């Protein structure tokens, strides 16, 4: 039996509605470092620092947040976050720093996950 695509989308809506907003993810996870610049993280709302990151664009920022970068662990150290929640947090922080990013779509998130996976360094076997 083939399920119509609209039925599949509608079935996913309750799960999407339960996902946290960018502001909620920032408040629960990202603020730990981005609130005061811990470990040299770009401080939330600092347009000078975030302006440079905003120019890099979401195709660089979101995969970096998904994988982790420098001292930031993957997903800000909160593996319970979905990729969409991480993307929303990046958009929220980028916009607070002067960006004009739109709410991420599921297509965007899939593209960013693919980029993140491609950037992930393969584990080297232990000898």
Protein backbone atom coordinates (compact mmCIF):
# COMPACT_ATOMS: atom_id res chain seq x y z
CA UNK A 1 0.00 0.00 0.00
CA UNK A 2 1.41 3.40 -1.02
CA UNK A 3 1.01 6.25 1.48
CA UNK A 4 0.37 9.64 -0.15
CA UNK A 5 3.23 12.16 0.46
CA UNK A 6 0.88 14.65 2.12
CA UNK A 7 -0.05 12.06 4.73
CA UNK A 8 3.64 11.51 5.49
CA UNK A 9 4.24 15.25 5.88
CA UNK A 10 1.22 15.65 8.14
CA UNK A 11 2.37 12.70 10.24
CA UNK A 12 5.71 14.45 10.84
CA UNK A 13 4.23 17.80 11.91
CA UNK A 14 3.73 16.89 15.59
CA UNK A 15 7.40 15.87 15.84
CA UNK A 16 8.53 19.08 14.18
CA UNK A 17 6.33 21.13 16.49
CA UNK A 18 8.10 19.58 19.48
CA UNK A 19 11.51 20.64 18.21
CA UNK A 20 13.07 23.57 20.03
CA UNK A 21 13.37 27.01 18.51
CA UNK A 22 16.75 28.62 17.96
CA UNK A 23 16.19 30.82 21.01
CA UNK A 24 15.36 27.78 23.15
CA UNK A 25 18.45 25.89 21.99
CA UNK A 26 20.61 28.96 22.59
CA UNK A 27 19.19 29.35 26.12
CA UNK A 28 19.60 25.65 26.97
CA UNK A 29 22.93 24.87 25.34
CA UNK A 30 24.75 27.56 23.36
CA UNK A 31 24.68 30.25 26.06
CA UNK A 32 27.21 28.22 28.05
CA UNK A 33 30.02 29.45 25.78
CA UNK A 34 28.45 32.02 23.45
CA UNK A 35 26.99 33.98 26.37
CA UNK A 36 30.33 35.22 27.65
CA UNK A 37 32.90 34.03 25.11
CA UNK A 38 34.09 30.99 27.03
CA UNK A 39 36.89 29.20 25.16
CA UNK A 40 36.97 32.13 22.67
CA UNK A 41 33.47 31.39 21.37
CA UNK A 42 31.92 34.32 19.46
CA UNK A 43 29.76 36.21 21.95
CA UNK A 44 26.05 36.32 21.17
CA UNK A 45 25.05 39.63 19.61
CA UNK A 46 28.60 40.83 18.92
CA UNK A 47 28.05 42.13 15.38
CA UNK A 48 31.75 42.69 14.74
CA UNK A 49 32.68 39.07 15.33
CA UNK A 50 29.47 37.54 14.03
CA UNK A 51 29.57 39.73 10.91
CA UNK A 52 32.59 37.76 9.70
CA UNK A 53 30.82 34.48 10.41
CA UNK A 54 27.60 35.64 8.76
CA UNK A 55 29.55 36.38 5.58
CA UNK A 56 30.80 32.75 5.58
CA UNK A 57 27.16 31.70 5.31
CA UNK A 58 25.09 28.89 6.70
CA UNK A 59 26.66 26.33 4.35
CA UNK A 60 29.81 26.68 6.46
CA UNK A 61 28.37 27.61 9.85
CA UNK A 62 25.79 24.87 10.29
CA UNK A 63 28.04 21.93 9.29
CA UNK A 64 30.69 23.30 11.68
CA UNK A 65 28.12 23.42 14.48
CA UNK A 66 26.91 19.91 13.68
CA UNK A 67 30.46 18.48 13.76
CA UNK A 68 32.06 20.84 16.23
CA UNK A 69 34.88 23.23 15.49
CA UNK A 70 38.00 24.14 17.41
CA UNK A 71 37.04 23.71 21.09
CA UNK A 72 33.31 23.47 20.41
CA UNK A 73 32.05 19.87 20.51
CA UNK A 74 29.53 18.55 18.00
CA UNK A 75 26.08 20.07 18.54
CA UNK A 76 27.52 22.28 21.26
CA UNK A 77 28.01 19.23 23.44
CA UNK A 78 24.30 18.34 23.44
CA UNK A 79 23.89 15.18 21.33
CA UNK A 80 20.15 15.14 22.12
CA UNK A 81 19.64 18.10 19.78
CA UNK A 82 18.36 17.36 16.31
CA UNK A 83 20.12 18.74 13.27
CA UNK A 84 17.17 21.09 12.74
CA UNK A 85 17.47 22.43 16.28
CA UNK A 86 21.19 23.08 15.81
CA UNK A 87 20.51 24.84 12.50
CA UNK A 88 17.83 26.98 14.15
CA UNK A 89 20.28 27.96 16.90
CA UNK A 90 22.93 28.94 14.34
CA UNK A 91 20.36 31.05 12.47
CA UNK A 92 19.24 32.65 15.74
CA UNK A 93 22.79 33.55 16.77
CA UNK A 94 23.78 34.67 13.29
CA UNK A 95 20.75 36.94 13.04
CA UNK A 96 21.47 38.42 16.48
CA UNK A 97 24.92 39.28 15.12
CA UNK A 98 23.60 41.08 12.05
CA UNK A 99 22.58 38.27 9.72
CA UNK A 100 19.31 38.06 7.86
CA UNK A 101 18.93 34.30 7.61
CA UNK A 102 15.55 32.63 7.07
CA UNK A 103 14.20 29.74 9.14
CA UNK A 104 15.99 26.60 7.93
CA UNK A 105 14.02 24.07 5.92
CA UNK A 106 14.33 20.30 6.13
CA UNK A 107 15.99 20.40 2.70
CA UNK A 108 18.59 22.86 4.05
CA UNK A 109 19.22 20.66 7.07
CA UNK A 110 19.70 17.55 4.92
CA UNK A 111 22.22 19.43 2.75
CA UNK A 112 24.10 20.66 5.82
CA UNK A 113 24.17 17.19 7.37
CA UNK A 114 25.65 15.83 4.15
CA UNK A 115 28.34 18.55 4.21
CA UNK A 116 29.05 17.88 7.88
CA UNK A 117 29.43 14.16 7.23
CA UNK A 118 31.78 14.83 4.31
CA UNK A 119 33.96 17.04 6.53
CA UNK A 120 34.14 14.58 9.39
CA UNK A 121 37.61 13.16 9.72
CA UNK A 122 37.73 9.38 9.43
CA UNK A 123 38.81 7.59 12.57
CA UNK A 124 42.29 6.17 12.33
CA UNK A 125 42.65 2.61 13.55
CA UNK A 126 44.62 2.12 16.75
CA UNK A 127 47.70 -0.06 16.47
